[in-house]
Structure formats: structure tokens, C-alpha cells
Amino acid sequence: MQIEEIIQKINFHDSNVIELIHNNDKVKLKVDLCMWKQEGYKEGGNELEEVLLEFDSVEDYVWDSDKIEADIDYDTILDILFSNGILKIVLADSGVSIVSFKCNTVKFTQQL
């Protein structure tokens, strides 16, 4: 799936990152997605759902934070931006963390 497509289709704001793994040219982001913020949500449905975002062919990975990626523990997604082929994810916990990298496609999987 194209990154622009997923950003337009899914509202990530206020969802929580459970885990962030960067390995060579891959990034995996496990998210507790706020289903109640999604278009088409029906009252009584699951309010949260765990999803996995897998980015391949990642280049120029940058982690900008006072903490290390392994310390992510339910950090809140403030914003996800995509411009000129660069994805930027802004997270908040006790402080702000920013992860950015070049990538064109993402695999989106709902966890069971």
C-alpha cells in the first residue's frame, strides 16, 4: 500500500505505539489503533485494535529523541506526515520523539 494512501485512509492521531523495531532496511511499528476515530466506526465496536505497519526498503532512518527506541512503551502518535518520499512520525510520552525515514510502501496488518 502506498504511504499517502494509508495516511489518508487511517486516522493514527492519539493511537499508541507499542513497539518500534528498526533492522537494516526495515521498520516495524506495532500500534494500538483508535478504532473509534476511524471512518465507519460503529458504536459498540472494538475501540482499540492492534495493527502492524511494516516498511521495507527504508533509507536514511533517523531517530530524534532523548530515549532509545527500545524504551517506547505506549507512546502516543501526535502526527504522521509524508512529504518528498520521507515519512515523519511524531510521538509523545514524557517528551517528544520523532522518527523519520525514506520509504514508498507499507504493509498494514490487523493483529488477531
C-alpha atoms as a PDB file:
ATOM      1  CA  MET A   1       0.000   0.000   0.000  1.00  0.00           C
ATOM      2  CA  GLN A   2       1.264   3.472  -0.780  1.00  0.00           C
ATOM      3  CA  ILE A   3       2.081   5.593   2.279  1.00  0.00           C
ATOM      4  CA  GLU A   4      -0.050   8.527   1.105  1.00  0.00           C
ATOM      5  CA  GLU A   5      -2.993   6.149   0.783  1.00  0.00           C
ATOM      6  CA  ILE A   6      -2.723   4.767   4.315  1.00  0.00           C
ATOM      7  CA  ILE A   7      -2.291   8.234   5.854  1.00  0.00           C
ATOM      8  CA  GLN A   8      -5.449   9.443   4.093  1.00  0.00           C
ATOM      9  CA  LYS A   9      -7.408   6.285   4.912  1.00  0.00           C
ATOM     10  CA  ILE A  10      -6.465   5.804   8.581  1.00  0.00           C
ATOM     11  CA  ASN A  11      -6.516   8.321  11.442  1.00  0.00           C
ATOM     12  CA  PHE A  12      -3.483   7.497  13.612  1.00  0.00           C
ATOM     13  CA  HIS A  13      -3.768  10.544  15.911  1.00  0.00           C
ATOM     14  CA  ASP A  14      -3.926   9.557  19.618  1.00  0.00           C
ATOM     15  CA  SER A  15      -3.220   5.893  18.838  1.00  0.00           C
ATOM     16  CA  ASN A  16      -0.348   4.324  20.778  1.00  0.00           C
ATOM     17  CA  VAL A  17       2.887   2.762  19.575  1.00  0.00           C
ATOM     18  CA  ILE A  18       3.512  -0.488  21.417  1.00  0.00           C
ATOM     19  CA  GLU A  19       6.783  -1.342  19.690  1.00  0.00           C
ATOM     20  CA  LEU A  20       9.190   0.129  17.136  1.00  0.00           C
ATOM     21  CA  ILE A  21      11.812  -2.093  15.519  1.00  0.00           C
ATOM     22  CA  HIS A  22      14.400  -0.834  13.026  1.00  0.00           C
ATOM     23  CA  ASN A  23      16.502  -3.553  11.414  1.00  0.00           C
ATOM     24  CA  ASN A  24      18.707  -2.766   8.403  1.00  0.00           C
ATOM     25  CA  ASP A  25      16.273  -1.549   5.720  1.00  0.00           C
ATOM     26  CA  LYS A  26      13.054  -2.492   7.554  1.00  0.00           C
ATOM     27  CA  VAL A  27      10.908  -0.725  10.148  1.00  0.00           C
ATOM     28  CA  LYS A  28       8.094  -2.432  12.049  1.00  0.00           C
ATOM     29  CA  LEU A  29       5.638  -0.379  14.046  1.00  0.00           C
ATOM     30  CA  LYS A  30       3.119  -2.141  16.289  1.00  0.00           C
ATOM     31  CA  VAL A  31       0.225   0.201  17.094  1.00  0.00           C
ATOM     32  CA  ASP A  32      -2.866   0.113  19.300  1.00  0.00           C
ATOM     33  CA  LEU A  33      -5.099   1.889  16.775  1.00  0.00           C
ATOM     34  CA  CYS A  34      -8.032   4.009  17.994  1.00  0.00           C
ATOM     35  CA  MET A  35     -10.843   2.364  16.033  1.00  0.00           C
ATOM     36  CA  TRP A  36     -13.384   4.857  17.370  1.00  0.00           C
ATOM     37  CA  LYS A  37     -11.588   7.581  15.367  1.00  0.00           C
ATOM     38  CA  GLN A  38     -11.890   5.690  12.078  1.00  0.00           C
ATOM     39  CA  GLU A  39     -14.449   6.450   9.396  1.00  0.00           C
ATOM     40  CA  GLY A  40     -17.275   3.922   9.546  1.00  0.00           C
ATOM     41  CA  TYR A  41     -16.782   3.062  13.228  1.00  0.00           C
ATOM     42  CA  LYS A  42     -19.991   1.708  14.725  1.00  0.00           C
ATOM     43  CA  GLU A  43     -20.965   2.249  18.362  1.00  0.00           C
ATOM     44  CA  GLY A  44     -20.245  -0.889  20.379  1.00  0.00           C
ATOM     45  CA  GLY A  45     -17.356  -2.000  18.151  1.00  0.00           C
ATOM     46  CA  ASN A  46     -13.818  -2.510  19.437  1.00  0.00           C
ATOM     47  CA  GLU A  47     -12.428   0.856  20.490  1.00  0.00           C
ATOM     48  CA  LEU A  48      -8.809  -0.274  20.054  1.00  0.00           C
ATOM     49  CA  GLU A  49      -7.254  -2.776  17.679  1.00  0.00           C
ATOM     50  CA  GLU A  50      -3.634  -3.855  17.407  1.00  0.00           C
ATOM     51  CA  VAL A  51      -2.153  -3.342  13.940  1.00  0.00           C
ATOM     52  CA  LEU A  52       1.290  -3.841  12.443  1.00  0.00           C
ATOM     53  CA  LEU A  53       2.864  -1.468   9.936  1.00  0.00           C
ATOM     54  CA  GLU A  54       5.825  -2.939   8.046  1.00  0.00           C
ATOM     55  CA  PHE A  55       8.016  -0.669   5.948  1.00  0.00           C
ATOM     56  CA  ASP A  56      10.546  -2.204   3.516  1.00  0.00           C
ATOM     57  CA  SER A  57      13.359  -0.572   1.536  1.00  0.00           C
ATOM     58  CA  VAL A  58      13.836   2.021   4.278  1.00  0.00           C
ATOM     59  CA  GLU A  59      16.626   4.569   3.796  1.00  0.00           C
ATOM     60  CA  ASP A  60      18.000   7.457   5.854  1.00  0.00           C
ATOM     61  CA  TYR A  61      16.440   6.298   9.145  1.00  0.00           C
ATOM     62  CA  VAL A  62      16.675   8.971  11.864  1.00  0.00           C
ATOM     63  CA  TRP A  63      15.582   8.621  15.494  1.00  0.00           C
ATOM     64  CA  ASP A  64      15.417  12.001  17.255  1.00  0.00           C
ATOM     65  CA  SER A  65      14.737  11.585  20.957  1.00  0.00           C
ATOM     66  CA  ASP A  66      16.313  11.600  24.395  1.00  0.00           C
ATOM     67  CA  LYS A  67      15.308   7.948  24.797  1.00  0.00           C
ATOM     68  CA  ILE A  68      16.133   4.862  22.758  1.00  0.00           C
ATOM     69  CA  GLU A  69      13.624   3.101  20.505  1.00  0.00           C
ATOM     70  CA  ALA A  70      13.522   0.075  22.828  1.00  0.00           C
ATOM     71  CA  ASP A  71      12.093   2.331  25.571  1.00  0.00           C
ATOM     72  CA  ILE A  72       8.908   3.022  23.606  1.00  0.00           C
ATOM     73  CA  ASP A  73       6.033   1.964  25.807  1.00  0.00           C
ATOM     74  CA  TYR A  74       2.632   3.098  24.626  1.00  0.00           C
ATOM     75  CA  ASP A  75       3.858   6.425  23.227  1.00  0.00           C
ATOM     76  CA  THR A  76       1.037   8.462  21.673  1.00  0.00           C
ATOM     77  CA  ILE A  77       1.087   9.296  17.962  1.00  0.00           C
ATOM     78  CA  LEU A  78       0.705  13.063  17.596  1.00  0.00           C
ATOM     79  CA  ASP A  79       1.188  13.244  13.849  1.00  0.00           C
ATOM     80  CA  ILE A  80       2.227  11.282  10.767  1.00  0.00           C
ATOM     81  CA  LEU A  81       3.455  13.283   7.791  1.00  0.00           C
ATOM     82  CA  PHE A  82       4.676  12.214   4.351  1.00  0.00           C
ATOM     83  CA  SER A  83       6.424  14.639   2.029  1.00  0.00           C
ATOM     84  CA  ASN A  84       9.016  14.215  -0.735  1.00  0.00           C
ATOM     85  CA  GLY A  85       9.268  10.477  -0.028  1.00  0.00           C
ATOM     86  CA  ILE A  86      10.051  10.973   3.681  1.00  0.00           C
ATOM     87  CA  LEU A  87       7.762   9.639   6.395  1.00  0.00           C
ATOM     88  CA  LYS A  88       7.865  11.507   9.715  1.00  0.00           C
ATOM     89  CA  ILE A  89       6.150  10.136  12.834  1.00  0.00           C
ATOM     90  CA  VAL A  90       5.855  12.379  15.895  1.00  0.00           C
ATOM     91  CA  LEU A  91       5.368  10.589  19.232  1.00  0.00           C
ATOM     92  CA  ALA A  92       4.741  11.884  22.743  1.00  0.00           C
ATOM     93  CA  ASP A  93       5.358  10.354  26.151  1.00  0.00           C
ATOM     94  CA  SER A  94       7.121  12.348  28.849  1.00  0.00           C
ATOM     95  CA  GLY A  95       8.813  14.118  25.928  1.00  0.00           C
ATOM     96  CA  VAL A  96       8.599  14.218  22.145  1.00  0.00           C
ATOM     97  CA  SER A  97      10.269  11.637  19.889  1.00  0.00           C
ATOM     98  CA  ILE A  98      10.479  11.882  16.108  1.00  0.00           C
ATOM     99  CA  VAL A  99      11.284   9.050  13.728  1.00  0.00           C
ATOM    100  CA  SER A 100      11.768   9.751  10.035  1.00  0.00           C
ATOM    101  CA  PHE A 101      12.878   7.740   7.031  1.00  0.00           C
ATOM    102  CA  LYS A 102      12.533   7.399   3.272  1.00  0.00           C
ATOM    103  CA  CYS A 103      10.075   4.757   2.113  1.00  0.00           C
ATOM    104  CA  ASN A 104       7.359   4.363  -0.517  1.00  0.00           C
ATOM    105  CA  THR A 105       5.167   1.474   0.583  1.00  0.00           C
ATOM    106  CA  VAL A 106       3.827  -0.062   3.772  1.00  0.00           C
ATOM    107  CA  LYS A 107       2.186  -3.371   4.627  1.00  0.00           C
ATOM    108  CA  PHE A 108      -0.746  -2.910   7.027  1.00  0.00           C
ATOM    109  CA  THR A 109      -1.871  -5.964   9.028  1.00  0.00           C
ATOM    110  CA  GLN A 110      -4.580  -6.175  11.675  1.00  0.00           C
ATOM    111  CA  GLN A 111      -3.454  -8.451  14.511  1.00  0.00           C
ATOM    112  CA  LEU A 112      -5.790 -11.141  15.850  1.00  0.00           C
END
